[in-house]
Amino acid sequence: MSTATDTPDKAPRIRRTPPGKPKGGPPDTLFETHSKVYPKSVHGRFRRIKWAALIVMLAIYYVLPWLRWDRGPNAPSQAVLLDIEHRRFYLFFIELWPQQIYYLTGALILAALGLFLATSLAGRVWCGYACPQTVWTDLYVWVEHLVEGERGTRIRRDQGGWTVDKLWRKAATNAIWLLIALATGGAWIFYFTDAPTLLGELLRLEASSTAVGFIGLFTGTTYLLAGFAREQVCTYMCPWPRFQSAMIDEDSLIVTYQEWRGEGRAPLRKSQSWEERAEAGLGDCIDCSNCVQVCPTGIDIRDGLQMQCIGCGLCVDACDDIMTKIGRPTGLILFDTQTNQIALSSGGAPVKARWLRPRVIVYGLGMLVIGGAIVAGLALRPGLDISVLRDRAPLFVTLADGTVRNAYTFKISNMTRDPRDYELSVSGLAGATIAVAGEGLAAQTERQRLTAAPDMVATYRIFVTVPRAALREASQPLNLVLTSATGERASYQTVFMGPGN
């Protein structure tokens, strides 16, 4: 197995030699000229899995903004909506407010742990099958195959001069790419506003310049990254290849070339038997380069695990097809662990993959804890939230009767679809009373009636008055309690400032 390891008992070290770089000797320049990669079409198990993943991912992306969800009157009916204007995030039955951003933080941590776990188990399986760059690049390459032909035909056409045939094929390919990019940019903006409404505005040329600008931005980036940058995004722009060596170990399932079986390489002559090849020190690899030609990043997996490898497995399909044609066992290139390959290369028995490892357990437990916390938080999430901001200038006011008054900005977040009545009370200081600005400061009572419109934030300016004798210190804790007519309760602990003793 050629995985660029120093010793067999260590995890694979990732090669960072760019594809096509000559081995040995100092570089002529600091920069290497980019060579365009022409992926060859391939058929097999992993190609079918990639097609299935592509269809599912694109279907989710393009269809999700059009799904409807009934939230009642005066509420958006789009199932998934990032409503920036009204500061709401709707995900089917979940509605998140700005102060609940910690749910998004938890979701990002959960996604990161999931990526770590997947990489530890199966290498860059995310990059090979689910990464948006991979999905859209696959789609663009399929269009290129459809319009311009197979790999050899495309290479010869690009190396030749401009003809009518080349011109119309290139124009057709880029036109389809632009249509896909436009659909991609439009679909992304649909997540931030009502999709049917925006589509109607676009068709009537009434859409805002902001919407049109963002659609143009995402159209351009999709067209550039999937149509031209392609593998350069994975190799040079994406940071994940630099991290993967810290995530995989000798028990990770990665794309592997069985060097002990395939070397040495040489073309297969018709008159040559496999016994004769073995006597000559030749292996099963006939050096057909099919594994290189189908690789979307243009690397040779026979050189070992490399930073550019996205773990898609297309080289496995290509090699298995050749092995079947020449009558040799498949699996010369396969998904396998370093541990098993070391055992096989030394003539030992196969070693089963060890799935339960310390890092896998840690990532899995982390996902369970974070996921459980998110689910529990959503299940117990209240429909009421309050925030209090005490006035700082002046800190307090001493009234004519000797009592001390503090002013507060009091906000009620009614997270329900119905108008709510509330009762505000205060505790923690003996004799404290409350008044609400606009409703008569003389009406100092122990409780005040407040209201909040549905799915809105109601803001009140309240005044808390306390007898001078109750203030033993310059700053004392004060608890504001809000209770709804349905019994839901929210409290906020603040401080009451006074002259002190």
Protein backbone atom coordinates (compact mmCIF):
# COMPACT_ATOMS: atom_id res chain seq x y z
CA MET A 1 0.00 0.00 0.00
CA SER A 2 1.40 3.38 -0.99
CA THR A 3 0.12 5.77 1.62
CA ALA A 4 3.30 7.73 2.22
CA THR A 5 3.88 6.49 5.75
CA ASP A 6 7.26 6.42 7.43
CA THR A 7 6.48 3.36 9.54
CA PRO A 8 3.64 0.87 9.21
CA ASP A 9 2.23 1.50 12.67
CA LYS A 10 1.56 5.19 12.14
CA ALA A 11 -1.45 6.93 10.62
CA PRO A 12 -1.11 7.86 6.94
CA ARG A 13 0.69 11.05 6.12
CA ILE A 14 -1.00 13.04 3.39
CA ARG A 15 1.10 13.89 0.37
CA ARG A 16 0.99 17.50 -0.64
CA THR A 17 2.67 17.23 -4.04
CA PRO A 18 0.36 18.85 -6.61
CA PRO A 19 -0.92 16.54 -9.35
CA GLY A 20 1.41 16.38 -12.32
CA LYS A 21 4.43 17.61 -10.33
CA PRO A 22 7.65 15.85 -11.42
CA LYS A 23 9.24 13.72 -8.73
CA GLY A 24 12.72 14.76 -7.61
CA GLY A 25 14.79 17.80 -8.41
CA PRO A 26 14.29 21.41 -7.38
CA PRO A 27 11.31 23.33 -8.79
CA ASP A 28 11.96 25.64 -11.71
CA THR A 29 9.58 28.28 -10.34
CA LEU A 30 7.67 28.91 -7.16
CA PHE A 31 4.35 28.55 -8.97
CA GLU A 32 3.08 25.65 -11.03
CA THR A 33 1.09 26.23 -14.19
CA HIS A 34 -2.42 24.90 -13.79
CA SER A 35 -3.29 21.96 -16.00
CA LYS A 36 -6.99 21.60 -16.75
CA VAL A 37 -8.49 18.35 -15.49
CA TYR A 38 -10.71 16.47 -17.96
CA PRO A 39 -12.61 13.86 -15.90
CA LYS A 40 -13.58 10.75 -17.81
CA SER A 41 -17.06 9.31 -17.32
CA VAL A 42 -17.23 6.08 -15.35
CA HIS A 43 -19.88 3.56 -14.32
CA GLY A 44 -20.01 1.59 -11.11
CA ARG A 45 -21.23 1.40 -7.54
CA PHE A 46 -19.67 4.61 -6.27
CA ARG A 47 -20.69 6.56 -9.34
CA ARG A 48 -24.29 5.47 -8.72
CA ILE A 49 -24.02 6.56 -5.09
CA LYS A 50 -22.72 9.95 -6.23
CA TRP A 51 -25.61 10.33 -8.67
CA ALA A 52 -28.09 9.49 -5.90
CA ALA A 53 -26.44 11.97 -3.53
CA LEU A 54 -26.43 14.66 -6.23
CA ILE A 55 -30.13 14.20 -6.98
CA VAL A 56 -31.11 14.23 -3.31
CA MET A 57 -28.98 17.30 -2.47
CA LEU A 58 -30.17 19.31 -5.46
CA ALA A 59 -33.80 18.33 -4.84
CA ILE A 60 -33.56 19.50 -1.23
CA TYR A 61 -31.90 22.76 -2.22
CA TYR A 62 -34.26 23.71 -5.04
CA VAL A 63 -37.54 22.39 -3.58
CA LEU A 64 -37.26 23.39 0.09
CA PRO A 65 -38.19 27.10 -0.37
CA TRP A 66 -41.47 26.06 -2.06
CA LEU A 67 -42.73 23.87 0.75
CA ARG A 68 -45.60 25.42 2.74
CA TRP A 69 -46.31 25.26 6.47
CA ASP A 70 -49.47 26.58 8.13
CA ARG A 71 -48.56 28.76 11.11
CA GLY A 72 -51.90 30.48 11.42
CA PRO A 73 -53.11 33.94 10.37
CA ASN A 74 -50.64 36.79 9.87
CA ALA A 75 -47.71 34.36 9.81
CA PRO A 76 -45.47 33.37 6.87
CA SER A 77 -46.47 30.09 5.28
CA GLN A 78 -43.03 29.18 3.90
CA ALA A 79 -41.70 26.06 5.64
CA VAL A 80 -38.07 27.27 5.70
CA LEU A 81 -37.60 31.02 5.84
CA LEU A 82 -34.76 33.25 7.06
CA ASP A 83 -36.80 36.42 7.56
CA ILE A 84 -34.05 39.01 8.02
CA GLU A 85 -36.46 41.96 7.81
CA HIS A 86 -38.58 40.78 10.75
CA ARG A 87 -35.68 39.01 12.49
CA ARG A 88 -37.17 35.53 12.52
CA PHE A 89 -35.93 32.09 11.46
CA TYR A 90 -38.66 29.61 10.54
CA LEU A 91 -37.90 25.92 10.16
CA PHE A 92 -41.19 24.03 9.79
CA PHE A 93 -42.67 24.03 13.33
CA ILE A 94 -39.67 25.85 14.84
CA GLU A 95 -39.58 29.64 15.10
CA LEU A 96 -36.40 31.25 16.42
CA TRP A 97 -35.95 34.83 17.60
CA PRO A 98 -32.67 36.80 17.57
CA GLN A 99 -32.08 36.21 21.29
CA GLN A 100 -32.20 32.46 20.62
CA ILE A 101 -29.10 32.51 18.45
CA TYR A 102 -27.58 29.89 20.76
CA TYR A 103 -29.65 27.26 18.89
CA LEU A 104 -27.78 28.16 15.70
CA THR A 105 -24.50 27.95 17.61
CA GLY A 106 -25.45 24.48 18.81
CA ALA A 107 -26.42 23.42 15.29
CA LEU A 108 -23.04 24.58 13.92
CA ILE A 109 -21.18 22.71 16.66
CA LEU A 110 -23.29 19.62 15.92
CA ALA A 111 -22.48 19.90 12.20
CA ALA A 112 -18.75 20.27 12.96
CA LEU A 113 -18.76 17.20 15.19
CA GLY A 114 -20.66 15.27 12.51
CA LEU A 115 -18.01 16.22 9.96
CA PHE A 116 -15.24 15.15 12.34
CA LEU A 117 -16.99 11.84 12.98
CA ALA A 118 -17.57 11.12 9.28
CA THR A 119 -13.93 11.92 8.47
CA SER A 120 -12.64 9.69 11.26
CA LEU A 121 -14.74 6.79 9.97
CA ALA A 122 -14.50 7.17 6.21
CA GLY A 123 -12.06 9.92 5.30
CA ARG A 124 -13.33 12.78 3.15
CA VAL A 125 -16.70 11.18 2.48
CA TRP A 126 -18.37 14.59 2.95
CA CYS A 127 -16.13 16.13 0.30
CA GLY A 128 -16.73 13.31 -2.16
CA TYR A 129 -20.50 13.10 -1.92
CA ALA A 130 -22.22 15.98 -0.10
CA CYS A 131 -20.09 19.12 -0.36
CA PRO A 132 -21.88 21.80 -2.47
CA GLN A 133 -18.71 22.34 -4.50
CA THR A 134 -18.64 18.63 -5.38
CA VAL A 135 -22.37 18.45 -6.14
CA TRP A 136 -22.43 21.42 -8.50
CA THR A 137 -19.11 20.49 -10.12
CA ASP A 138 -20.49 17.00 -10.80
CA LEU A 139 -23.54 18.58 -12.42
CA TYR A 140 -21.41 20.90 -14.55
CA VAL A 141 -19.11 18.06 -15.65
CA TRP A 142 -22.17 16.00 -16.63
CA VAL A 143 -23.36 18.88 -18.83
CA GLU A 144 -19.88 19.09 -20.34
CA HIS A 145 -19.94 15.36 -21.13
CA LEU A 146 -23.42 15.68 -22.62
CA VAL A 147 -22.62 18.57 -24.94
CA GLU A 148 -18.91 18.25 -25.71
CA GLY A 149 -18.36 14.51 -25.59
CA GLU A 150 -16.02 12.15 -23.75
CA ARG A 151 -12.66 13.05 -22.28
CA GLY A 152 -10.48 12.38 -25.33
CA THR A 153 -12.82 14.31 -27.61
CA ARG A 154 -12.83 17.31 -25.29
CA ILE A 155 -9.03 17.34 -25.03
CA ARG A 156 -8.56 17.20 -28.80
CA ARG A 157 -11.17 19.90 -29.36
CA ASP A 158 -9.58 22.22 -26.80
CA GLN A 159 -6.11 21.69 -28.26
CA GLY A 160 -7.34 22.43 -31.77
CA GLY A 161 -8.32 25.70 -33.35
CA TRP A 162 -11.70 27.38 -33.24
CA THR A 163 -14.28 25.84 -35.56
CA VAL A 164 -18.03 26.19 -35.89
CA ASP A 165 -18.48 22.87 -34.08
CA LYS A 166 -16.25 23.95 -31.18
CA LEU A 167 -17.89 27.37 -31.00
CA TRP A 168 -21.47 26.14 -30.72
CA ARG A 169 -20.59 23.38 -28.26
CA LYS A 170 -18.71 25.77 -26.00
CA ALA A 171 -21.52 28.30 -26.25
CA ALA A 172 -24.16 25.67 -25.46
CA THR A 173 -22.17 24.34 -22.49
CA ASN A 174 -21.68 27.79 -20.98
CA ALA A 175 -25.32 28.76 -21.62
CA ILE A 176 -26.53 25.69 -19.68
CA TRP A 177 -23.99 26.41 -16.94
CA LEU A 178 -25.32 29.96 -16.64
CA LEU A 179 -28.92 28.74 -16.44
CA ILE A 180 -27.97 26.33 -13.64
CA ALA A 181 -26.07 29.10 -11.87
CA LEU A 182 -29.04 31.45 -12.22
CA ALA A 183 -31.38 28.83 -10.78
CA THR A 184 -28.89 28.29 -7.96
CA GLY A 185 -28.60 32.00 -7.12
CA GLY A 186 -32.37 32.47 -7.34
CA ALA A 187 -33.08 29.48 -5.11
CA TRP A 188 -30.70 30.80 -2.45
CA ILE A 189 -32.49 34.17 -2.30
CA PHE A 190 -35.85 32.35 -2.05
CA TYR A 191 -34.80 31.19 1.43
CA PHE A 192 -34.80 34.82 2.63
CA THR A 193 -38.20 35.94 1.35
CA ASP A 194 -41.49 34.41 0.25
CA ALA A 195 -40.51 32.35 -2.81
CA PRO A 196 -43.73 32.68 -4.90
CA THR A 197 -43.89 36.43 -4.25
CA LEU A 198 -40.27 37.00 -5.24
CA LEU A 199 -40.60 34.83 -8.34
CA GLY A 200 -43.60 36.91 -9.44
CA GLU A 201 -41.67 40.12 -8.88
CA LEU A 202 -38.73 38.78 -10.89
CA LEU A 203 -40.95 37.77 -13.79
CA ARG A 204 -42.65 41.21 -13.76
CA LEU A 205 -39.22 42.92 -13.45
CA GLU A 206 -40.36 44.46 -10.15
CA ALA A 207 -37.84 42.82 -7.83
CA SER A 208 -35.72 45.03 -5.60
CA SER A 209 -32.18 45.88 -6.56
CA THR A 210 -30.99 44.05 -3.41
CA ALA A 211 -32.61 40.78 -4.50
CA VAL A 212 -31.34 41.12 -8.06
CA GLY A 213 -27.85 41.98 -6.82
CA PHE A 214 -27.60 38.94 -4.58
CA ILE A 215 -28.97 36.66 -7.29
CA GLY A 216 -26.30 38.01 -9.63
CA LEU A 217 -23.62 37.50 -6.99
CA PHE A 218 -24.51 33.85 -6.34
CA THR A 219 -25.02 33.21 -10.05
CA GLY A 220 -21.51 34.48 -10.78
CA THR A 221 -19.83 32.54 -7.98
CA THR A 222 -21.59 29.29 -8.93
CA TYR A 223 -20.64 29.70 -12.58
CA LEU A 224 -17.01 30.48 -11.71
CA LEU A 225 -16.42 27.88 -8.99
CA ALA A 226 -18.25 24.92 -10.56
CA GLY A 227 -17.44 25.73 -14.16
CA PHE A 228 -13.80 26.79 -14.02
CA ALA A 229 -12.21 26.63 -10.55
CA ARG A 230 -13.47 23.10 -9.77
CA GLU A 231 -10.71 21.05 -8.16
CA GLN A 232 -8.73 24.21 -7.35
CA VAL A 233 -11.40 25.08 -4.78
CA CYS A 234 -10.86 21.73 -3.07
CA THR A 235 -7.07 21.96 -3.23
CA TYR A 236 -6.28 25.61 -2.62
CA MET A 237 -9.36 27.44 -1.32
CA CYS A 238 -10.91 24.92 1.07
CA PRO A 239 -9.14 24.55 4.45
CA TRP A 240 -10.51 21.06 5.11
CA PRO A 241 -7.73 19.14 3.23
CA ARG A 242 -5.24 20.65 5.69
CA PHE A 243 -7.30 19.40 8.64
CA GLN A 244 -8.05 15.89 7.45
CA SER A 245 -4.70 14.44 8.51
CA ALA A 246 -5.62 15.24 12.11
CA MET A 247 -8.96 13.46 11.77
CA ILE A 248 -7.98 10.15 10.15
CA ASP A 249 -5.89 7.35 11.57
CA GLU A 250 -4.79 3.82 10.64
CA ASP A 251 -8.36 2.54 11.15
CA SER A 252 -10.11 5.11 8.94
CA LEU A 253 -11.70 3.80 5.76
CA ILE A 254 -9.93 5.61 2.90
CA VAL A 255 -9.34 5.12 -0.82
CA THR A 256 -6.34 2.80 -1.02
CA TYR A 257 -4.15 1.37 -3.75
CA GLN A 258 -2.86 -2.13 -2.92
CA GLU A 259 0.75 -1.53 -3.84
CA TRP A 260 1.80 -4.98 -2.66
CA ARG A 261 -0.51 -6.49 -5.26
CA GLY A 262 -0.30 -3.99 -8.12
CA GLU A 263 3.44 -3.29 -8.38
CA GLY A 264 5.38 -3.35 -10.58
CA ARG A 265 3.31 -1.73 -13.24
CA ALA A 266 3.48 -2.53 -16.91
CA PRO A 267 1.04 -2.76 -19.83
CA LEU A 268 -0.46 -6.20 -20.41
CA ARG A 269 0.70 -7.82 -23.64
CA LYS A 270 -1.69 -10.20 -25.38
CA SER A 271 0.89 -12.98 -25.51
CA GLN A 272 1.84 -12.59 -21.85
CA SER A 273 0.33 -14.82 -19.18
CA TRP A 274 -0.10 -13.78 -15.56
CA GLU A 275 2.44 -16.40 -14.53
CA GLU A 276 4.99 -14.79 -16.83
CA ARG A 277 4.19 -11.34 -15.38
CA ALA A 278 4.66 -12.66 -11.86
CA GLU A 279 8.02 -14.19 -12.77
CA ALA A 280 9.05 -10.84 -14.24
CA GLY A 281 8.13 -9.11 -10.97
CA LEU A 282 5.02 -7.45 -12.40
CA GLY A 283 1.73 -7.02 -10.54
CA ASP A 284 -1.94 -6.66 -11.43
CA CYS A 285 -1.70 -2.97 -12.37
CA ILE A 286 -1.44 -2.73 -16.15
CA ASP A 287 -0.76 1.03 -16.00
CA CYS A 288 -3.87 1.93 -17.98
CA SER A 289 -4.23 5.26 -16.08
CA ASN A 290 -8.02 4.92 -15.97
CA CYS A 291 -7.92 5.70 -12.24
CA VAL A 292 -6.20 9.00 -13.04
CA GLN A 293 -8.48 9.87 -15.94
CA VAL A 294 -11.71 9.56 -13.92
CA CYS A 295 -10.37 11.46 -10.89
CA PRO A 296 -12.15 14.84 -10.54
CA THR A 297 -9.00 16.37 -9.02
CA GLY A 298 -6.57 14.75 -11.47
CA ILE A 299 -4.39 12.87 -8.98
CA ASP A 300 -2.86 9.40 -9.19
CA ILE A 301 -4.09 7.42 -6.19
CA ARG A 302 -1.27 4.92 -6.79
CA ASP A 303 1.10 7.52 -5.34
CA GLY A 304 -0.67 7.15 -1.99
CA LEU A 305 -3.15 9.20 0.00
CA GLN A 306 -2.90 12.83 -1.05
CA MET A 307 -4.32 16.12 0.11
CA GLN A 308 -6.23 16.54 -3.15
CA CYS A 309 -8.12 13.23 -2.82
CA ILE A 310 -11.79 13.91 -1.98
CA GLY A 311 -12.61 10.25 -1.32
CA CYS A 312 -15.25 9.93 -4.04
CA GLY A 313 -14.25 6.36 -5.02
CA LEU A 314 -14.55 6.88 -8.79
CA CYS A 315 -11.06 5.43 -9.22
CA VAL A 316 -12.35 2.29 -7.50
CA ASP A 317 -15.08 1.94 -10.13
CA ALA A 318 -12.61 2.55 -12.97
CA CYS A 319 -10.07 0.03 -11.68
CA ASP A 320 -12.69 -2.64 -10.91
CA ASP A 321 -13.96 -2.33 -14.48
CA ILE A 322 -10.46 -2.94 -15.88
CA MET A 323 -9.76 -5.83 -13.49
CA THR A 324 -13.01 -7.50 -14.59
CA LYS A 325 -12.08 -7.13 -18.27
CA ILE A 326 -8.63 -8.68 -17.85
CA GLY A 327 -9.86 -11.46 -15.59
CA ARG A 328 -8.21 -10.37 -12.35
CA PRO A 329 -9.83 -9.96 -8.89
CA THR A 330 -11.38 -6.56 -8.25
CA GLY A 331 -10.29 -4.38 -5.35
CA LEU A 332 -6.85 -3.35 -6.53
CA ILE A 333 -8.07 0.12 -5.57
CA LEU A 334 -10.64 0.05 -2.77
CA PHE A 335 -11.87 1.65 0.42
CA ASP A 336 -9.83 0.04 3.18
CA THR A 337 -7.96 0.77 6.39
CA GLN A 338 -4.23 1.19 6.79
CA THR A 339 -4.23 -1.56 9.41
CA ASN A 340 -5.77 -4.13 7.06
CA GLN A 341 -3.48 -3.23 4.17
CA ILE A 342 -0.38 -3.65 6.34
CA ALA A 343 -1.62 -7.07 7.42
CA LEU A 344 -2.37 -8.19 3.85
CA SER A 345 0.91 -6.89 2.46
CA SER A 346 2.81 -9.05 4.95
CA GLY A 347 0.78 -12.15 4.11
CA GLY A 348 -1.33 -12.06 7.27
CA ALA A 349 -5.05 -12.55 7.75
CA PRO A 350 -7.44 -9.67 6.99
CA VAL A 351 -8.09 -7.30 9.90
CA LYS A 352 -11.63 -6.05 10.43
CA ALA A 353 -12.19 -2.33 10.64
CA ARG A 354 -12.27 -1.07 14.22
CA TRP A 355 -15.21 1.32 14.26
CA LEU A 356 -15.34 2.03 18.01
CA ARG A 357 -12.23 4.06 18.70
CA PRO A 358 -11.58 6.81 21.27
CA ARG A 359 -12.01 9.68 18.80
CA VAL A 360 -15.16 8.14 17.32
CA ILE A 361 -16.66 7.71 20.79
CA VAL A 362 -15.78 11.27 21.78
CA TYR A 363 -17.31 12.74 18.61
CA GLY A 364 -20.39 10.55 18.94
CA LEU A 365 -20.95 11.45 22.59
CA GLY A 366 -20.44 15.12 21.77
CA MET A 367 -23.11 14.91 19.09
CA LEU A 368 -25.51 13.17 21.47
CA VAL A 369 -24.99 15.79 24.17
CA ILE A 370 -25.30 18.81 21.85
CA GLY A 371 -28.19 17.29 19.90
CA GLY A 372 -29.99 16.33 23.10
CA ALA A 373 -29.54 19.83 24.51
CA ILE A 374 -30.99 21.38 21.33
CA VAL A 375 -33.98 19.04 21.31
CA ALA A 376 -34.64 19.58 25.02
CA GLY A 377 -34.32 23.33 24.63
CA LEU A 378 -36.77 23.41 21.74
CA ALA A 379 -39.23 21.17 23.57
CA LEU A 380 -39.14 23.32 26.72
CA ARG A 381 -38.82 26.64 24.92
CA PRO A 382 -41.18 29.22 26.47
CA GLY A 383 -43.47 31.45 24.47
CA LEU A 384 -42.54 34.41 26.64
CA ASP A 385 -39.29 36.26 27.17
CA ILE A 386 -38.49 39.55 28.86
CA SER A 387 -35.50 41.86 28.96
CA VAL A 388 -34.85 44.82 31.26
CA LEU A 389 -32.49 47.77 30.86
CA ARG A 390 -32.09 50.13 33.81
CA ASP A 391 -31.57 53.85 33.21
CA ARG A 392 -28.03 54.94 34.06
CA ALA A 393 -28.55 58.68 34.00
CA PRO A 394 -29.69 59.52 36.55
CA LEU A 395 -29.04 56.41 38.62
CA PHE A 396 -31.99 57.26 40.88
CA VAL A 397 -34.36 60.08 41.73
CA THR A 398 -35.39 61.07 45.27
CA LEU A 399 -39.01 62.22 45.28
CA ALA A 400 -40.57 64.91 47.49
CA ASP A 401 -42.04 62.35 49.88
CA GLY A 402 -38.59 60.81 50.45
CA THR A 403 -39.10 57.69 48.34
CA VAL A 404 -36.52 56.66 45.74
CA ARG A 405 -37.37 55.90 42.14
CA ASN A 406 -35.51 53.97 39.39
CA ALA A 407 -36.52 53.88 35.71
CA TYR A 408 -36.30 50.80 33.47
CA THR A 409 -36.96 49.93 29.83
CA PHE A 410 -39.03 46.76 29.95
CA LYS A 411 -39.46 44.58 26.82
CA ILE A 412 -41.90 41.69 26.43
CA SER A 413 -41.32 39.18 23.61
CA ASN A 414 -44.66 37.50 22.91
CA MET A 415 -43.58 34.43 20.91
CA THR A 416 -47.14 33.22 20.32
CA ARG A 417 -49.67 33.90 17.57
CA ASP A 418 -52.24 35.37 19.98
CA PRO A 419 -52.40 38.71 21.83
CA ARG A 420 -51.52 38.26 25.49
CA ASP A 421 -52.37 40.08 28.74
CA TYR A 422 -49.78 40.07 31.52
CA GLU A 423 -49.39 41.10 35.11
CA LEU A 424 -46.14 42.69 36.21
CA SER A 425 -45.05 42.52 39.83
CA VAL A 426 -41.87 43.26 41.75
CA SER A 427 -40.18 41.40 44.59
CA GLY A 428 -37.02 41.69 46.66
CA LEU A 429 -37.63 45.11 48.23
CA ALA A 430 -40.25 45.82 50.86
CA GLY A 431 -42.88 48.36 49.87
CA ALA A 432 -41.82 48.55 46.20
CA THR A 433 -44.47 49.79 43.76
CA ILE A 434 -44.63 50.05 39.96
CA ALA A 435 -45.87 52.70 37.55
CA VAL A 436 -45.97 52.62 33.76
CA ALA A 437 -45.16 55.71 31.70
CA GLY A 438 -48.15 56.99 29.80
CA GLU A 439 -50.62 55.54 32.24
CA GLY A 440 -50.18 58.05 35.06
CA LEU A 441 -47.21 58.07 37.36
CA ALA A 442 -49.52 58.68 40.30
CA ALA A 443 -50.93 55.19 39.84
CA GLN A 444 -48.18 53.51 41.82
CA THR A 445 -49.34 49.97 42.60
CA GLU A 446 -47.83 46.63 43.51
CA ARG A 447 -48.98 45.15 40.18
CA GLN A 448 -49.48 46.53 36.68
CA ARG A 449 -51.42 45.17 33.71
CA LEU A 450 -49.46 44.98 30.42
CA THR A 451 -50.30 43.66 26.96
CA ALA A 452 -48.31 42.44 23.96
CA ALA A 453 -49.42 41.90 20.37
CA PRO A 454 -48.91 38.45 18.79
CA ASP A 455 -45.38 37.63 17.61
CA MET A 456 -44.20 41.07 18.61
CA VAL A 457 -41.95 42.82 21.13
CA ALA A 458 -43.85 45.25 23.38
CA THR A 459 -41.71 47.98 24.96
CA TYR A 460 -42.67 49.80 28.15
CA ARG A 461 -40.98 52.37 30.32
CA ILE A 462 -41.60 51.49 33.94
CA PHE A 463 -40.79 53.22 37.22
CA VAL A 464 -40.13 51.35 40.45
CA THR A 465 -40.47 53.34 43.68
CA VAL A 466 -39.13 52.13 47.04
CA PRO A 467 -39.38 53.70 50.52
CA ARG A 468 -36.09 55.18 51.70
CA ALA A 469 -36.13 53.03 54.82
CA ALA A 470 -36.07 49.82 52.76
CA LEU A 471 -32.76 50.74 51.10
CA ARG A 472 -29.97 49.49 53.31
CA GLU A 473 -27.31 49.63 50.56
CA ALA A 474 -26.58 51.72 47.48
CA SER A 475 -27.33 48.75 45.18
CA GLN A 476 -29.83 46.03 46.02
CA PRO A 477 -31.22 43.15 43.95
CA LEU A 478 -34.67 43.55 42.45
CA ASN A 479 -36.74 40.88 40.74
CA LEU A 480 -39.33 41.78 38.07
CA VAL A 481 -41.89 39.02 37.48
CA LEU A 482 -44.25 38.86 34.50
CA THR A 483 -47.15 36.40 34.52
CA SER A 484 -49.47 35.76 31.59
CA ALA A 485 -53.18 35.09 31.84
CA THR A 486 -52.46 31.46 30.94
CA GLY A 487 -50.06 31.08 33.88
CA GLU A 488 -46.81 31.34 31.94
CA ARG A 489 -44.17 33.10 34.01
CA ALA A 490 -40.92 34.93 33.28
CA SER A 491 -38.65 36.76 35.68
CA TYR A 492 -35.66 39.06 35.38
CA GLN A 493 -33.24 39.97 38.16
CA THR A 494 -31.83 43.48 38.02
CA VAL A 495 -30.67 46.00 40.65
CA PHE A 496 -32.22 49.02 42.34
CA MET A 497 -29.93 51.96 43.01
CA GLY A 498 -30.32 54.33 45.91
CA PRO A 499 -28.37 56.75 48.12
CA GLY A 500 -27.48 54.04 50.64
CA ASN A 501 -26.97 54.58 54.35
